[in-house]
Amino acid sequence: MKLVAPRTVVPMHYATFPVLTGTPESFDRELKKRHVKAGLRIINIGETIVLGAG
């Protein structure tokens, strides 16, 4: 995250395969632990969003 410095992060692919045990909540805790300033946008499985360039 430090190299890219995104404004928003969107976790995806969680809970899509048995080996992927992470959750958006654990990702959020990790962001806070690392003092990442990016906003977290959680989407539901199958949901789509539009990301703007500006």
N, C-alpha and C. Protein backbone atom coordinates (compact mmCIF):
# COMPACT_ATOMS: atom_id res chain seq x y z
N MET A 1 0.81 -1.19 0.00
CA MET A 1 0.00 0.00 0.00
C MET A 1 0.86 1.26 0.00
N LYS A 2 2.01 1.22 0.64
CA LYS A 2 2.84 2.41 0.70
C LYS A 2 3.40 2.79 -0.66
N LEU A 3 3.72 1.81 -1.48
CA LEU A 3 4.30 2.08 -2.79
C LEU A 3 3.26 2.71 -3.71
N VAL A 4 2.04 2.23 -3.68
CA VAL A 4 1.01 2.70 -4.59
C VAL A 4 0.22 3.87 -4.01
N ALA A 5 -0.04 3.88 -2.72
CA ALA A 5 -0.80 4.92 -2.02
C ALA A 5 -2.20 5.14 -2.63
N PRO A 6 -3.03 4.10 -2.67
CA PRO A 6 -4.37 4.25 -3.24
C PRO A 6 -5.27 5.07 -2.32
N ARG A 7 -6.26 5.71 -2.90
CA ARG A 7 -7.26 6.43 -2.09
C ARG A 7 -8.30 5.47 -1.55
N THR A 8 -8.59 4.43 -2.33
CA THR A 8 -9.59 3.44 -1.94
C THR A 8 -9.07 2.05 -2.26
N VAL A 9 -9.34 1.11 -1.36
CA VAL A 9 -9.01 -0.29 -1.61
C VAL A 9 -10.29 -1.12 -1.57
N VAL A 10 -10.35 -2.12 -2.44
CA VAL A 10 -11.54 -2.97 -2.55
C VAL A 10 -11.10 -4.43 -2.44
N PRO A 11 -11.32 -5.05 -1.28
CA PRO A 11 -10.96 -6.46 -1.17
C PRO A 11 -11.90 -7.30 -2.04
N MET A 12 -11.34 -8.30 -2.70
CA MET A 12 -12.18 -9.16 -3.54
C MET A 12 -11.61 -10.57 -3.54
N HIS A 13 -12.37 -11.48 -4.03
CA HIS A 13 -12.02 -12.89 -4.10
C HIS A 13 -12.05 -13.58 -2.74
N TYR A 14 -12.43 -12.88 -1.67
CA TYR A 14 -12.54 -13.54 -0.37
C TYR A 14 -13.74 -14.49 -0.40
N ALA A 15 -13.58 -15.62 0.26
CA ALA A 15 -14.64 -16.64 0.38
C ALA A 15 -15.05 -17.24 -0.96
N THR A 16 -14.21 -17.14 -1.97
CA THR A 16 -14.55 -17.74 -3.26
C THR A 16 -13.96 -19.13 -3.43
N PHE A 17 -12.95 -19.46 -2.65
CA PHE A 17 -12.32 -20.77 -2.65
C PHE A 17 -11.99 -21.14 -1.20
N PRO A 18 -12.01 -22.40 -0.85
CA PRO A 18 -11.74 -22.79 0.53
C PRO A 18 -10.41 -22.28 1.09
N VAL A 19 -9.40 -22.16 0.25
CA VAL A 19 -8.09 -21.71 0.73
C VAL A 19 -8.09 -20.21 1.06
N LEU A 20 -9.04 -19.46 0.57
CA LEU A 20 -9.10 -18.01 0.82
C LEU A 20 -9.94 -17.77 2.07
N THR A 21 -9.27 -17.73 3.20
CA THR A 21 -9.97 -17.64 4.48
C THR A 21 -10.07 -16.22 5.03
N GLY A 22 -9.46 -15.27 4.36
CA GLY A 22 -9.52 -13.89 4.83
C GLY A 22 -10.92 -13.31 4.70
N THR A 23 -11.17 -12.25 5.43
CA THR A 23 -12.46 -11.55 5.38
C THR A 23 -12.20 -10.07 5.19
N PRO A 24 -13.20 -9.33 4.73
CA PRO A 24 -13.04 -7.88 4.64
C PRO A 24 -12.76 -7.26 6.01
N GLU A 25 -13.31 -7.83 7.05
CA GLU A 25 -13.08 -7.30 8.40
C GLU A 25 -11.63 -7.49 8.84
N SER A 26 -11.05 -8.65 8.53
CA SER A 26 -9.64 -8.86 8.89
C SER A 26 -8.73 -7.96 8.04
N PHE A 27 -9.11 -7.73 6.79
CA PHE A 27 -8.36 -6.82 5.93
C PHE A 27 -8.41 -5.40 6.51
N ASP A 28 -9.58 -4.98 6.97
CA ASP A 28 -9.74 -3.66 7.58
C ASP A 28 -8.86 -3.53 8.83
N ARG A 29 -8.84 -4.56 9.66
CA ARG A 29 -7.97 -4.53 10.85
C ARG A 29 -6.50 -4.38 10.46
N GLU A 30 -6.10 -5.09 9.41
CA GLU A 30 -4.71 -5.02 8.96
C GLU A 30 -4.38 -3.62 8.41
N LEU A 31 -5.30 -3.03 7.69
CA LEU A 31 -5.09 -1.66 7.20
C LEU A 31 -4.87 -0.70 8.36
N LYS A 32 -5.71 -0.82 9.38
CA LYS A 32 -5.59 0.07 10.55
C LYS A 32 -4.29 -0.18 11.30
N LYS A 33 -3.92 -1.45 11.45
CA LYS A 33 -2.68 -1.81 12.13
C LYS A 33 -1.46 -1.19 11.43
N ARG A 34 -1.52 -1.14 10.10
CA ARG A 34 -0.40 -0.60 9.31
C ARG A 34 -0.54 0.90 9.03
N HIS A 35 -1.58 1.52 9.60
CA HIS A 35 -1.83 2.96 9.45
C HIS A 35 -1.99 3.38 7.99
N VAL A 36 -2.65 2.53 7.21
CA VAL A 36 -2.93 2.85 5.81
C VAL A 36 -4.10 3.83 5.78
N LYS A 37 -3.95 4.91 5.06
CA LYS A 37 -4.95 5.97 5.02
C LYS A 37 -6.05 5.74 3.98
N ALA A 38 -5.91 4.74 3.14
CA ALA A 38 -6.89 4.49 2.08
C ALA A 38 -8.24 4.13 2.67
N GLY A 39 -9.29 4.56 1.97
CA GLY A 39 -10.63 4.17 2.36
C GLY A 39 -10.90 2.73 1.95
N LEU A 40 -11.69 2.04 2.73
CA LEU A 40 -12.02 0.65 2.43
C LEU A 40 -13.43 0.59 1.87
N ARG A 41 -13.58 0.01 0.70
CA ARG A 41 -14.90 -0.16 0.06
C ARG A 41 -15.17 -1.65 -0.04
N ILE A 42 -16.08 -2.14 0.78
CA ILE A 42 -16.42 -3.55 0.78
C ILE A 42 -17.61 -3.76 -0.14
N ILE A 43 -17.48 -4.70 -1.06
CA ILE A 43 -18.59 -5.02 -1.95
C ILE A 43 -19.03 -6.46 -1.68
N ASN A 44 -20.28 -6.73 -1.94
CA ASN A 44 -20.80 -8.08 -1.79
C ASN A 44 -20.40 -8.93 -2.98
N ILE A 45 -20.32 -10.23 -2.77
CA ILE A 45 -20.00 -11.15 -3.85
C ILE A 45 -21.03 -10.99 -4.97
N GLY A 46 -20.56 -10.77 -6.17
CA GLY A 46 -21.43 -10.55 -7.33
C GLY A 46 -21.78 -9.09 -7.59
N GLU A 47 -21.51 -8.21 -6.64
CA GLU A 47 -21.78 -6.79 -6.81
C GLU A 47 -20.73 -6.16 -7.70
N THR A 48 -21.11 -5.18 -8.46
CA THR A 48 -20.15 -4.43 -9.28
C THR A 48 -20.19 -2.97 -8.87
N ILE A 49 -19.07 -2.30 -9.05
CA ILE A 49 -18.97 -0.87 -8.77
C ILE A 49 -18.19 -0.22 -9.90
N VAL A 50 -18.32 1.08 -10.00
CA VAL A 50 -17.56 1.86 -10.97
C VAL A 50 -16.51 2.65 -10.22
N LEU A 51 -15.28 2.52 -10.65
CA LEU A 51 -14.18 3.26 -10.04
C LEU A 51 -13.81 4.42 -10.94
N GLY A 52 -13.75 5.60 -10.40
CA GLY A 52 -13.41 6.77 -11.20
C GLY A 52 -11.92 6.98 -11.30
N ALA A 53 -11.51 7.70 -12.29
CA ALA A 53 -10.09 7.99 -12.51
C ALA A 53 -9.66 9.25 -11.75
N GLY A 54 -10.58 10.01 -11.22
CA GLY A 54 -10.20 11.26 -10.59
C GLY A 54 -10.65 11.40 -9.25
